Amino acid sequence: MTMIQLAASLLSVIYGGIACLRHRQPLFFKILLYGLISYFFGALFTACYAAVHGVIPAGFHVGYFGHIGAYFFLFSSYYGAIDRLADGGEAKYRIIRVASAVPAIVPAALLVRGIAKYGLGTMLPLLMLILPVTFTLYYAVKHLGFPDVEMGIIRVMRPYNGCVILFCSAELAGQFHFLPGTVRTASAVLSCLFLVLLLPLAERGVRKWFI
């Protein structure tokens, strides 16, 4: 599974690099590319460790920083690059902001269950990963249902936001070790598929910003 993640992230990085060379991309797209580069290096460390030692590294390891960094880049692409264009802080949209936080209840509940079953020390690495994933999931859900702004910036990004939601959900399901093995395996495969789709969908959306 590690090799599939490595191949998927490498394919995404190559696609993003070529896209930046072909056309001038906005900051939003570049931040996404940096996130996938971080994800790639995390998968690369895990693959190299497995090749040298014959086993996947257990517990918290350097590869986690690649995944954590990827989600912080995804989160910052929303918070710093596009959310202020979508949300002007109007009170009439408060219900959307609150409702967008509801999906965060699921990973929080699973984390609490894991802590109760295995202890905080065992679940601490997962906690460090869940925080940026949850922040990213919040903005993806928010932008999926938020009313469009001038020039259609939000509308054209809805397929991308839907992909981010699926990617985050699959990644989370693959991280909880107390879930059935078939669920975790299927989630890992799906997360790689959604990972490959992220940049093409993002590029298709941002290209329409300038039409």
N, C-alpha and C. Protein backbone atom coordinates (compact mmCIF):
# COMPACT_ATOMS: atom_id res chain seq x y z
N MET A 1 0.82 -1.21 0.00
CA MET A 1 0.00 0.00 0.00
C MET A 1 0.86 1.26 0.00
N THR A 2 2.02 1.18 0.67
CA THR A 2 2.93 2.33 0.70
C THR A 2 3.40 2.69 -0.70
N MET A 3 3.68 1.68 -1.51
CA MET A 3 4.15 1.94 -2.87
C MET A 3 3.06 2.58 -3.72
N ILE A 4 1.81 2.21 -3.46
CA ILE A 4 0.70 2.84 -4.18
C ILE A 4 0.60 4.32 -3.80
N GLN A 5 0.74 4.61 -2.49
CA GLN A 5 0.73 6.00 -2.04
C GLN A 5 1.88 6.78 -2.65
N LEU A 6 3.05 6.15 -2.70
CA LEU A 6 4.22 6.81 -3.28
C LEU A 6 4.00 7.11 -4.76
N ALA A 7 3.47 6.13 -5.49
CA ALA A 7 3.23 6.32 -6.92
C ALA A 7 2.17 7.39 -7.16
N ALA A 8 1.11 7.37 -6.36
CA ALA A 8 0.03 8.35 -6.52
C ALA A 8 0.52 9.77 -6.24
N SER A 9 1.29 9.93 -5.17
CA SER A 9 1.79 11.26 -4.83
C SER A 9 2.83 11.74 -5.84
N LEU A 10 3.67 10.83 -6.34
CA LEU A 10 4.65 11.20 -7.36
C LEU A 10 3.95 11.64 -8.63
N LEU A 11 2.93 10.91 -9.03
CA LEU A 11 2.17 11.28 -10.22
C LEU A 11 1.54 12.66 -10.06
N SER A 12 1.03 12.94 -8.87
CA SER A 12 0.41 14.24 -8.61
C SER A 12 1.44 15.36 -8.66
N VAL A 13 2.62 15.12 -8.08
CA VAL A 13 3.67 16.14 -8.08
C VAL A 13 4.14 16.43 -9.51
N ILE A 14 4.31 15.37 -10.30
CA ILE A 14 4.72 15.56 -11.70
C ILE A 14 3.66 16.35 -12.46
N TYR A 15 2.40 16.00 -12.26
CA TYR A 15 1.31 16.72 -12.93
C TYR A 15 1.33 18.19 -12.53
N GLY A 16 1.46 18.45 -11.23
CA GLY A 16 1.47 19.83 -10.76
C GLY A 16 2.64 20.62 -11.29
N GLY A 17 3.82 19.99 -11.35
CA GLY A 17 4.99 20.67 -11.88
C GLY A 17 4.82 21.03 -13.34
N ILE A 18 4.30 20.09 -14.13
CA ILE A 18 4.06 20.36 -15.55
C ILE A 18 3.02 21.45 -15.73
N ALA A 19 1.97 21.42 -14.89
CA ALA A 19 0.92 22.44 -14.97
C ALA A 19 1.48 23.83 -14.70
N CYS A 20 2.41 23.93 -13.75
CA CYS A 20 3.02 25.23 -13.43
C CYS A 20 3.94 25.70 -14.54
N LEU A 21 4.57 24.76 -15.25
CA LEU A 21 5.45 25.13 -16.35
C LEU A 21 4.66 25.55 -17.59
N ARG A 22 3.50 24.94 -17.78
CA ARG A 22 2.69 25.24 -18.97
C ARG A 22 1.94 26.56 -18.83
N HIS A 23 1.40 26.81 -17.65
CA HIS A 23 0.60 28.01 -17.43
C HIS A 23 0.99 28.64 -16.09
N ARG A 24 0.81 29.92 -16.02
CA ARG A 24 1.02 30.61 -14.75
C ARG A 24 -0.14 30.28 -13.82
N GLN A 25 0.17 29.67 -12.68
CA GLN A 25 -0.86 29.22 -11.76
C GLN A 25 -0.99 30.19 -10.58
N PRO A 26 -2.21 30.34 -10.05
CA PRO A 26 -2.40 31.21 -8.88
C PRO A 26 -1.78 30.59 -7.63
N LEU A 27 -1.65 31.40 -6.59
CA LEU A 27 -1.04 30.95 -5.34
C LEU A 27 -1.78 29.75 -4.77
N PHE A 28 -3.09 29.73 -4.89
CA PHE A 28 -3.90 28.62 -4.38
C PHE A 28 -3.40 27.29 -4.92
N PHE A 29 -3.18 27.21 -6.22
CA PHE A 29 -2.72 25.97 -6.85
C PHE A 29 -1.32 25.61 -6.39
N LYS A 30 -0.46 26.60 -6.26
CA LYS A 30 0.92 26.33 -5.85
C LYS A 30 0.98 25.80 -4.42
N ILE A 31 0.13 26.33 -3.54
CA ILE A 31 0.09 25.82 -2.17
C ILE A 31 -0.34 24.36 -2.16
N LEU A 32 -1.31 24.02 -2.99
CA LEU A 32 -1.73 22.62 -3.10
C LEU A 32 -0.58 21.74 -3.56
N LEU A 33 0.18 22.23 -4.52
CA LEU A 33 1.33 21.47 -5.02
C LEU A 33 2.36 21.26 -3.92
N TYR A 34 2.63 22.29 -3.13
CA TYR A 34 3.57 22.14 -2.02
C TYR A 34 3.07 21.08 -1.03
N GLY A 35 1.76 21.06 -0.81
CA GLY A 35 1.19 20.05 0.09
C GLY A 35 1.41 18.64 -0.43
N LEU A 36 1.24 18.44 -1.72
CA LEU A 36 1.42 17.11 -2.29
C LEU A 36 2.89 16.73 -2.36
N ILE A 37 3.77 17.71 -2.49
CA ILE A 37 5.21 17.42 -2.39
C ILE A 37 5.54 16.93 -0.99
N SER A 38 4.96 17.57 0.01
CA SER A 38 5.16 17.13 1.40
C SER A 38 4.64 15.71 1.59
N TYR A 39 3.47 15.43 1.04
CA TYR A 39 2.89 14.09 1.13
C TYR A 39 3.81 13.07 0.46
N PHE A 40 4.37 13.44 -0.68
CA PHE A 40 5.27 12.54 -1.40
C PHE A 40 6.49 12.19 -0.57
N PHE A 41 7.10 13.19 0.08
CA PHE A 41 8.29 12.92 0.89
C PHE A 41 7.95 12.04 2.09
N GLY A 42 6.75 12.22 2.65
CA GLY A 42 6.33 11.34 3.73
C GLY A 42 6.21 9.90 3.27
N ALA A 43 5.59 9.70 2.11
CA ALA A 43 5.46 8.35 1.55
C ALA A 43 6.82 7.79 1.14
N LEU A 44 7.71 8.66 0.66
CA LEU A 44 9.05 8.22 0.25
C LEU A 44 9.84 7.70 1.45
N PHE A 45 9.76 8.40 2.58
CA PHE A 45 10.45 7.93 3.78
C PHE A 45 9.94 6.56 4.20
N THR A 46 8.62 6.41 4.23
CA THR A 46 8.03 5.14 4.64
C THR A 46 8.45 4.01 3.70
N ALA A 47 8.47 4.28 2.39
CA ALA A 47 8.86 3.26 1.42
C ALA A 47 10.33 2.89 1.57
N CYS A 48 11.19 3.88 1.79
CA CYS A 48 12.63 3.62 1.96
C CYS A 48 12.88 2.83 3.25
N TYR A 49 12.17 3.18 4.31
CA TYR A 49 12.31 2.46 5.58
C TYR A 49 11.90 1.00 5.40
N ALA A 50 10.79 0.79 4.71
CA ALA A 50 10.31 -0.58 4.48
C ALA A 50 11.28 -1.37 3.62
N ALA A 51 11.91 -0.70 2.64
CA ALA A 51 12.86 -1.38 1.76
C ALA A 51 14.13 -1.79 2.52
N VAL A 52 14.56 -0.96 3.47
CA VAL A 52 15.78 -1.23 4.22
C VAL A 52 15.54 -2.24 5.34
N HIS A 53 14.45 -2.06 6.09
CA HIS A 53 14.21 -2.87 7.28
C HIS A 53 13.22 -4.02 7.05
N GLY A 54 12.53 -3.99 5.94
CA GLY A 54 11.60 -5.07 5.64
C GLY A 54 10.24 -4.95 6.30
N VAL A 55 10.02 -3.89 7.06
CA VAL A 55 8.73 -3.67 7.72
C VAL A 55 8.36 -2.19 7.63
N ILE A 56 7.08 -1.91 7.72
CA ILE A 56 6.60 -0.53 7.78
C ILE A 56 6.91 0.03 9.16
N PRO A 57 7.44 1.26 9.25
CA PRO A 57 7.74 1.82 10.58
C PRO A 57 6.50 1.90 11.45
N ALA A 58 6.66 1.52 12.71
CA ALA A 58 5.54 1.53 13.65
C ALA A 58 5.56 2.79 14.49
N GLY A 59 4.38 3.21 14.95
CA GLY A 59 4.29 4.38 15.81
C GLY A 59 4.60 5.66 15.05
N PHE A 60 4.96 6.69 15.80
CA PHE A 60 5.25 7.99 15.18
C PHE A 60 6.63 7.95 14.52
N HIS A 61 6.72 8.40 13.29
CA HIS A 61 7.99 8.42 12.57
C HIS A 61 8.05 9.64 11.67
N VAL A 62 9.19 9.84 11.02
CA VAL A 62 9.42 11.04 10.21
C VAL A 62 8.38 11.16 9.09
N GLY A 63 7.95 10.03 8.55
CA GLY A 63 6.97 10.08 7.47
C GLY A 63 5.68 10.78 7.84
N TYR A 64 5.35 10.76 9.14
CA TYR A 64 4.14 11.46 9.59
C TYR A 64 4.20 12.95 9.27
N PHE A 65 5.41 13.52 9.37
CA PHE A 65 5.54 14.96 9.12
C PHE A 65 5.15 15.31 7.69
N GLY A 66 5.41 14.39 6.76
CA GLY A 66 5.01 14.64 5.38
C GLY A 66 3.50 14.73 5.23
N HIS A 67 2.79 13.81 5.89
CA HIS A 67 1.33 13.82 5.82
C HIS A 67 0.75 15.01 6.58
N ILE A 68 1.30 15.26 7.77
CA ILE A 68 0.83 16.41 8.56
C ILE A 68 1.06 17.71 7.80
N GLY A 69 2.24 17.84 7.20
CA GLY A 69 2.55 19.04 6.42
C GLY A 69 1.63 19.20 5.23
N ALA A 70 1.27 18.09 4.59
CA ALA A 70 0.37 18.15 3.44
C ALA A 70 -0.97 18.76 3.82
N TYR A 71 -1.49 18.34 4.97
CA TYR A 71 -2.79 18.86 5.39
C TYR A 71 -2.71 20.30 5.88
N PHE A 72 -1.59 20.69 6.44
CA PHE A 72 -1.44 22.09 6.81
C PHE A 72 -1.38 22.97 5.56
N PHE A 73 -0.75 22.48 4.50
CA PHE A 73 -0.75 23.22 3.24
C PHE A 73 -2.17 23.30 2.66
N LEU A 74 -2.91 22.19 2.70
CA LEU A 74 -4.28 22.21 2.20
C LEU A 74 -5.14 23.18 3.01
N PHE A 75 -4.96 23.14 4.33
CA PHE A 75 -5.70 24.06 5.20
C PHE A 75 -5.35 25.51 4.89
N SER A 76 -4.06 25.80 4.73
CA SER A 76 -3.65 27.18 4.47
C SER A 76 -4.11 27.65 3.09
N SER A 77 -4.26 26.72 2.14
CA SER A 77 -4.75 27.13 0.82
C SER A 77 -6.18 27.64 0.91
N TYR A 78 -6.95 27.06 1.82
CA TYR A 78 -8.32 27.55 2.05
C TYR A 78 -8.30 28.84 2.86
N TYR A 79 -7.65 28.78 4.01
CA TYR A 79 -7.72 29.89 4.96
C TYR A 79 -7.02 31.14 4.43
N GLY A 80 -5.88 30.96 3.79
CA GLY A 80 -5.10 32.12 3.38
C GLY A 80 -5.32 32.57 1.96
N ALA A 81 -5.80 31.66 1.10
CA ALA A 81 -5.83 31.99 -0.32
C ALA A 81 -7.22 32.17 -0.92
N ILE A 82 -8.24 31.55 -0.34
CA ILE A 82 -9.54 31.58 -1.02
C ILE A 82 -10.71 31.87 -0.09
N ASP A 83 -10.62 31.56 1.20
CA ASP A 83 -11.79 31.69 2.08
C ASP A 83 -12.24 33.14 2.22
N ARG A 84 -11.31 34.07 2.23
CA ARG A 84 -11.69 35.48 2.38
C ARG A 84 -12.42 35.99 1.14
N LEU A 85 -12.19 35.35 0.01
CA LEU A 85 -12.94 35.72 -1.19
C LEU A 85 -14.37 35.19 -1.11
N ALA A 86 -14.54 34.05 -0.44
CA ALA A 86 -15.86 33.42 -0.38
C ALA A 86 -16.71 33.96 0.75
N ASP A 87 -16.09 34.19 1.90
CA ASP A 87 -16.85 34.54 3.11
C ASP A 87 -16.46 35.93 3.58
N GLY A 88 -17.39 36.85 3.45
CA GLY A 88 -17.14 38.21 3.91
C GLY A 88 -17.52 38.45 5.35
N GLY A 89 -17.92 37.39 6.05
CA GLY A 89 -18.27 37.51 7.46
C GLY A 89 -19.70 37.93 7.72
N GLU A 90 -20.56 37.87 6.70
CA GLU A 90 -21.95 38.29 6.87
C GLU A 90 -22.68 37.37 7.85
N ALA A 91 -23.51 37.97 8.68
CA ALA A 91 -24.24 37.21 9.70
C ALA A 91 -25.21 36.21 9.08
N LYS A 92 -25.72 36.49 7.89
CA LYS A 92 -26.72 35.61 7.28
C LYS A 92 -26.14 34.25 6.89
N TYR A 93 -24.81 34.16 6.82
CA TYR A 93 -24.18 32.89 6.47
C TYR A 93 -23.67 32.13 7.70
N ARG A 94 -24.06 32.59 8.89
CA ARG A 94 -23.56 31.97 10.12
C ARG A 94 -23.97 30.50 10.22
N ILE A 95 -25.18 30.19 9.78
CA ILE A 95 -25.66 28.81 9.87
C ILE A 95 -24.81 27.88 9.02
N ILE A 96 -24.31 28.37 7.89
CA ILE A 96 -23.45 27.55 7.03
C ILE A 96 -22.12 27.29 7.72
N ARG A 97 -21.59 28.32 8.39
CA ARG A 97 -20.31 28.14 9.09
C ARG A 97 -20.44 27.11 10.20
N VAL A 98 -21.55 27.18 10.93
CA VAL A 98 -21.76 26.24 12.03
C VAL A 98 -21.99 24.83 11.50
N ALA A 99 -22.82 24.70 10.47
CA ALA A 99 -23.12 23.38 9.91
C ALA A 99 -21.88 22.73 9.31
N SER A 100 -20.96 23.53 8.80
CA SER A 100 -19.75 22.98 8.19
C SER A 100 -18.85 22.30 9.21
N ALA A 101 -19.04 22.63 10.49
CA ALA A 101 -18.22 22.02 11.54
C ALA A 101 -18.75 20.66 11.98
N VAL A 102 -19.97 20.32 11.56
CA VAL A 102 -20.58 19.05 11.99
C VAL A 102 -19.76 17.83 11.59
N PRO A 103 -19.21 17.77 10.34
CA PRO A 103 -18.41 16.59 9.98
C PRO A 103 -17.21 16.34 10.89
N ALA A 104 -16.74 17.38 11.58
CA ALA A 104 -15.60 17.21 12.48
C ALA A 104 -15.95 16.34 13.68
N ILE A 105 -17.24 16.15 13.94
CA ILE A 105 -17.66 15.33 15.07
C ILE A 105 -17.24 13.88 14.88
N VAL A 106 -17.26 13.40 13.63
CA VAL A 106 -16.95 11.99 13.36
C VAL A 106 -15.51 11.65 13.71
N PRO A 107 -14.49 12.36 13.15
CA PRO A 107 -13.11 12.03 13.55
C PRO A 107 -12.85 12.27 15.02
N ALA A 108 -13.50 13.28 15.61
CA ALA A 108 -13.32 13.54 17.04
C ALA A 108 -13.85 12.37 17.86
N ALA A 109 -15.02 11.84 17.47
CA ALA A 109 -15.61 10.71 18.19
C ALA A 109 -14.74 9.46 18.05
N LEU A 110 -14.22 9.22 16.85
CA LEU A 110 -13.34 8.07 16.65
C LEU A 110 -12.05 8.21 17.43
N LEU A 111 -11.55 9.44 17.52
CA LEU A 111 -10.32 9.67 18.29
C LEU A 111 -10.56 9.42 19.77
N VAL A 112 -11.68 9.89 20.29
CA VAL A 112 -12.01 9.66 21.70
C VAL A 112 -12.14 8.17 21.98
N ARG A 113 -12.76 7.46 21.06
CA ARG A 113 -12.88 6.00 21.22
C ARG A 113 -11.50 5.34 21.24
N GLY A 114 -10.62 5.80 20.35
CA GLY A 114 -9.28 5.23 20.30
C GLY A 114 -8.49 5.51 21.57
N ILE A 115 -8.62 6.73 22.10
CA ILE A 115 -7.92 7.09 23.34
C ILE A 115 -8.44 6.25 24.50
N ALA A 116 -9.77 6.05 24.55
CA ALA A 116 -10.36 5.24 25.62
C ALA A 116 -9.90 3.79 25.54
N LYS A 117 -9.65 3.31 24.32
CA LYS A 117 -9.30 1.89 24.15
C LYS A 117 -7.80 1.65 24.25
N TYR A 118 -6.98 2.58 23.69
CA TYR A 118 -5.54 2.34 23.61
C TYR A 118 -4.71 3.30 24.45
N GLY A 119 -5.30 4.39 24.93
CA GLY A 119 -4.56 5.36 25.72
C GLY A 119 -4.08 6.54 24.88
N LEU A 120 -3.85 7.67 25.53
CA LEU A 120 -3.46 8.89 24.83
C LEU A 120 -2.10 8.75 24.16
N GLY A 121 -1.16 8.07 24.82
CA GLY A 121 0.18 7.92 24.26
C GLY A 121 0.17 7.23 22.91
N THR A 122 -0.66 6.21 22.78
CA THR A 122 -0.74 5.47 21.51
C THR A 122 -1.41 6.30 20.43
N MET A 123 -2.39 7.10 20.81
CA MET A 123 -3.18 7.85 19.83
C MET A 123 -2.62 9.25 19.55
N LEU A 124 -1.56 9.64 20.25
CA LEU A 124 -1.02 11.00 20.08
C LEU A 124 -0.57 11.29 18.65
N PRO A 125 0.15 10.37 17.97
CA PRO A 125 0.51 10.64 16.57
C PRO A 125 -0.72 10.88 15.69
N LEU A 126 -1.77 10.09 15.94
CA LEU A 126 -2.99 10.26 15.16
C LEU A 126 -3.66 11.59 15.46
N LEU A 127 -3.57 12.04 16.70
CA LEU A 127 -4.13 13.34 17.07
C LEU A 127 -3.46 14.46 16.28
N MET A 128 -2.13 14.37 16.13
CA MET A 128 -1.38 15.39 15.38
C MET A 128 -1.79 15.41 13.92
N LEU A 129 -2.23 14.27 13.40
CA LEU A 129 -2.67 14.20 12.01
C LEU A 129 -4.12 14.65 11.86
N ILE A 130 -4.95 14.30 12.84
CA ILE A 130 -6.38 14.59 12.74
C ILE A 130 -6.65 16.09 12.80
N LEU A 131 -5.88 16.84 13.57
CA LEU A 131 -6.14 18.28 13.70
C LEU A 131 -6.12 19.00 12.35
N PRO A 132 -5.02 18.92 11.57
CA PRO A 132 -5.05 19.61 10.27
C PRO A 132 -6.05 19.01 9.29
N VAL A 133 -6.28 17.69 9.39
CA VAL A 133 -7.28 17.06 8.51
C VAL A 133 -8.67 17.63 8.80
N THR A 134 -8.98 17.79 10.08
CA THR A 134 -10.29 18.30 10.48
C THR A 134 -10.48 19.74 10.02
N PHE A 135 -9.44 20.57 10.17
CA PHE A 135 -9.51 21.96 9.70
C PHE A 135 -9.75 22.00 8.19
N THR A 136 -9.02 21.15 7.46
CA THR A 136 -9.18 21.10 6.01
C THR A 136 -10.58 20.65 5.63
N LEU A 137 -11.08 19.64 6.33
CA LEU A 137 -12.42 19.12 6.06
C LEU A 137 -13.48 20.19 6.30
N TYR A 138 -13.29 21.00 7.33
CA TYR A 138 -14.25 22.07 7.63
C TYR A 138 -14.38 23.03 6.45
N TYR A 139 -13.25 23.49 5.93
CA TYR A 139 -13.30 24.46 4.84
C TYR A 139 -13.80 23.84 3.54
N ALA A 140 -13.46 22.57 3.30
CA ALA A 140 -13.94 21.91 2.09
C ALA A 140 -15.46 21.78 2.12
N VAL A 141 -16.01 21.39 3.27
CA VAL A 141 -17.46 21.28 3.41
C VAL A 141 -18.11 22.66 3.30
N LYS A 142 -17.50 23.65 3.92
CA LYS A 142 -18.03 25.01 3.89
C LYS A 142 -18.09 25.54 2.47
N HIS A 143 -17.03 25.37 1.71
CA HIS A 143 -16.99 25.91 0.35
C HIS A 143 -17.84 25.09 -0.62
N LEU A 144 -18.12 23.85 -0.27
CA LEU A 144 -18.99 23.04 -1.12
C LEU A 144 -20.42 23.57 -1.11
N GLY A 145 -20.87 24.07 0.05
CA GLY A 145 -22.25 24.54 0.16
C GLY A 145 -22.41 26.03 0.25
N PHE A 146 -21.29 26.79 0.24
CA PHE A 146 -21.37 28.23 0.40
C PHE A 146 -21.88 28.88 -0.89
N PRO A 147 -22.73 29.91 -0.79
CA PRO A 147 -23.19 30.62 -1.99
C PRO A 147 -22.03 31.18 -2.78
N ASP A 148 -22.19 31.21 -4.09
CA ASP A 148 -21.10 31.67 -4.95
C ASP A 148 -20.88 33.16 -4.79
N VAL A 149 -19.66 33.58 -5.09
CA VAL A 149 -19.31 34.98 -5.04
C VAL A 149 -19.16 35.50 -6.47
N GLU A 150 -18.83 36.75 -6.57
CA GLU A 150 -18.66 37.37 -7.88
C GLU A 150 -17.61 36.62 -8.70
N MET A 151 -17.85 36.46 -9.99
CA MET A 151 -16.96 35.81 -10.94
C MET A 151 -16.99 34.28 -10.83
N GLY A 152 -17.84 33.72 -9.98
CA GLY A 152 -17.99 32.27 -9.93
C GLY A 152 -16.82 31.52 -9.36
N ILE A 153 -16.06 32.13 -8.46
CA ILE A 153 -14.85 31.50 -7.93
C ILE A 153 -15.18 30.24 -7.14
N ILE A 154 -16.25 30.28 -6.35
CA ILE A 154 -16.60 29.13 -5.51
C ILE A 154 -17.28 28.03 -6.32
N ARG A 155 -18.15 28.40 -7.22
CA ARG A 155 -18.91 27.41 -7.99
C ARG A 155 -18.00 26.48 -8.77
N VAL A 156 -16.99 27.02 -9.43
CA VAL A 156 -16.12 26.19 -10.27
C VAL A 156 -15.21 25.29 -9.45
N MET A 157 -15.08 25.56 -8.14
CA MET A 157 -14.22 24.75 -7.30
C MET A 157 -14.98 23.66 -6.55
N ARG A 158 -16.28 23.54 -6.77
CA ARG A 158 -17.06 22.55 -6.02
C ARG A 158 -16.65 21.10 -6.32
N PRO A 159 -16.36 20.73 -7.56
CA PRO A 159 -15.85 19.36 -7.77
C PRO A 159 -14.56 19.10 -7.00
N TYR A 160 -13.68 20.10 -6.95
CA TYR A 160 -12.44 19.95 -6.18
C TYR A 160 -12.74 19.80 -4.70
N ASN A 161 -13.63 20.63 -4.17
CA ASN A 161 -13.97 20.55 -2.75
C ASN A 161 -14.59 19.21 -2.40
N GLY A 162 -15.42 18.68 -3.29
CA GLY A 162 -15.98 17.36 -3.07
C GLY A 162 -14.89 16.29 -3.01
N CYS A 163 -13.89 16.43 -3.87
CA CYS A 163 -12.77 15.48 -3.88
C CYS A 163 -11.96 15.59 -2.59
N VAL A 164 -11.77 16.80 -2.09
CA VAL A 164 -11.04 16.99 -0.83
C VAL A 164 -11.78 16.31 0.32
N ILE A 165 -13.10 16.45 0.35
CA ILE A 165 -13.89 15.80 1.40
C ILE A 165 -13.72 14.28 1.35
N LEU A 166 -13.80 13.71 0.16
CA LEU A 166 -13.63 12.27 0.02
C LEU A 166 -12.22 11.84 0.38
N PHE A 167 -11.23 12.64 -0.01
CA PHE A 167 -9.84 12.33 0.30
C PHE A 167 -9.60 12.34 1.81
N CYS A 168 -10.07 13.38 2.47
CA CYS A 168 -9.90 13.48 3.92
C CYS A 168 -10.61 12.33 4.63
N SER A 169 -11.81 12.00 4.19
CA SER A 169 -12.57 10.93 4.82
C SER A 169 -11.88 9.59 4.66
N ALA A 170 -11.37 9.33 3.45
CA ALA A 170 -10.67 8.06 3.20
C ALA A 170 -9.37 7.98 3.99
N GLU A 171 -8.65 9.10 4.06
CA GLU A 171 -7.40 9.12 4.83
C GLU A 171 -7.67 8.85 6.31
N LEU A 172 -8.70 9.46 6.85
CA LEU A 172 -9.04 9.26 8.26
C LEU A 172 -9.42 7.82 8.53
N ALA A 173 -10.26 7.25 7.67
CA ALA A 173 -10.70 5.87 7.87
C ALA A 173 -9.53 4.89 7.81
N GLY A 174 -8.52 5.22 7.01
CA GLY A 174 -7.36 4.35 6.91
C GLY A 174 -6.41 4.44 8.07
N GLN A 175 -6.57 5.46 8.92
CA GLN A 175 -5.64 5.68 10.03
C GLN A 175 -6.10 5.03 11.33
N PHE A 176 -7.38 4.76 11.47
CA PHE A 176 -7.88 4.20 12.72
C PHE A 176 -7.72 2.68 12.72
N HIS A 177 -6.78 2.20 13.51
CA HIS A 177 -6.40 0.79 13.48
C HIS A 177 -7.47 -0.13 14.04
N PHE A 178 -8.42 0.41 14.82
CA PHE A 178 -9.45 -0.45 15.38
C PHE A 178 -10.61 -0.68 14.42
N LEU A 179 -10.57 -0.03 13.25
CA LEU A 179 -11.58 -0.30 12.23
C LEU A 179 -11.24 -1.61 11.51
N PRO A 180 -12.21 -2.29 10.91
CA PRO A 180 -11.93 -3.55 10.20
C PRO A 180 -10.86 -3.38 9.12
N GLY A 181 -10.06 -4.41 8.93
CA GLY A 181 -8.97 -4.34 7.96
C GLY A 181 -9.44 -4.07 6.55
N THR A 182 -10.58 -4.63 6.17
CA THR A 182 -11.11 -4.39 4.82
C THR A 182 -11.48 -2.93 4.62
N VAL A 183 -12.01 -2.30 5.66
CA VAL A 183 -12.36 -0.88 5.59
C VAL A 183 -11.11 -0.04 5.42
N ARG A 184 -10.08 -0.35 6.18
CA ARG A 184 -8.84 0.42 6.12
C ARG A 184 -8.15 0.24 4.77
N THR A 185 -8.16 -0.98 4.25
CA THR A 185 -7.53 -1.23 2.95
C THR A 185 -8.27 -0.51 1.83
N ALA A 186 -9.59 -0.62 1.83
CA ALA A 186 -10.39 0.07 0.82
C ALA A 186 -10.21 1.58 0.92
N SER A 187 -10.14 2.10 2.14
CA SER A 187 -9.96 3.54 2.34
C SER A 187 -8.61 4.00 1.82
N ALA A 188 -7.57 3.19 2.04
CA ALA A 188 -6.24 3.56 1.57
C ALA A 188 -6.19 3.61 0.04
N VAL A 189 -6.82 2.64 -0.61
CA VAL A 189 -6.86 2.62 -2.07
C VAL A 189 -7.63 3.83 -2.60
N LEU A 190 -8.78 4.11 -2.00
CA LEU A 190 -9.59 5.25 -2.43
C LEU A 190 -8.88 6.56 -2.20
N SER A 191 -8.15 6.68 -1.09
CA SER A 191 -7.43 7.93 -0.81
C SER A 191 -6.39 8.20 -1.88
N CYS A 192 -5.74 7.14 -2.40
CA CYS A 192 -4.77 7.32 -3.47
C CYS A 192 -5.44 7.79 -4.75
N LEU A 193 -6.62 7.25 -5.02
CA LEU A 193 -7.38 7.68 -6.20
C LEU A 193 -7.76 9.15 -6.09
N PHE A 194 -8.27 9.55 -4.94
CA PHE A 194 -8.66 10.95 -4.75
C PHE A 194 -7.44 11.87 -4.74
N LEU A 195 -6.32 11.36 -4.25
CA LEU A 195 -5.09 12.14 -4.25
C LEU A 195 -4.67 12.51 -5.67
N VAL A 196 -4.77 11.54 -6.57
CA VAL A 196 -4.41 11.78 -7.97
C VAL A 196 -5.36 12.79 -8.63
N LEU A 197 -6.60 12.82 -8.18
CA LEU A 197 -7.60 13.71 -8.79
C LEU A 197 -7.54 15.14 -8.27
N LEU A 198 -6.88 15.36 -7.13
CA LEU A 198 -6.92 16.68 -6.50
C LEU A 198 -6.42 17.80 -7.42
N LEU A 199 -5.20 17.67 -7.92
CA LEU A 199 -4.63 18.75 -8.72
C LEU A 199 -5.34 18.94 -10.07
N PRO A 200 -5.69 17.88 -10.80
CA PRO A 200 -6.45 18.11 -12.04
C PRO A 200 -7.76 18.85 -11.82
N LEU A 201 -8.49 18.49 -10.76
CA LEU A 201 -9.74 19.19 -10.46
C LEU A 201 -9.49 20.63 -10.03
N ALA A 202 -8.43 20.83 -9.25
CA ALA A 202 -8.08 22.20 -8.83
C ALA A 202 -7.68 23.05 -10.03
N GLU A 203 -6.88 22.47 -10.93
CA GLU A 203 -6.45 23.23 -12.11
C GLU A 203 -7.64 23.57 -13.00
N ARG A 204 -8.54 22.62 -13.17
CA ARG A 204 -9.73 22.89 -14.00
C ARG A 204 -10.56 24.02 -13.41
N GLY A 205 -10.61 24.08 -12.08
CA GLY A 205 -11.36 25.15 -11.44
C GLY A 205 -10.69 26.50 -11.55
N VAL A 206 -9.41 26.56 -11.21
CA VAL A 206 -8.72 27.86 -11.20
C VAL A 206 -8.56 28.41 -12.61
N ARG A 207 -8.52 27.53 -13.62
CA ARG A 207 -8.41 28.00 -14.99
C ARG A 207 -9.62 28.85 -15.37
N LYS A 208 -10.79 28.51 -14.80
CA LYS A 208 -12.01 29.25 -15.10
C LYS A 208 -12.08 30.58 -14.37
N TRP A 209 -11.17 30.79 -13.39
CA TRP A 209 -11.14 32.09 -12.72
C TRP A 209 -10.78 33.21 -13.69
N PHE A 210 -10.04 32.86 -14.73
CA PHE A 210 -9.50 33.88 -15.62
C PHE A 210 -10.22 33.94 -16.96
N ILE A 211 -11.34 33.20 -17.05
CA ILE A 211 -12.12 33.23 -18.30
C ILE A 211 -13.17 34.34 -18.24
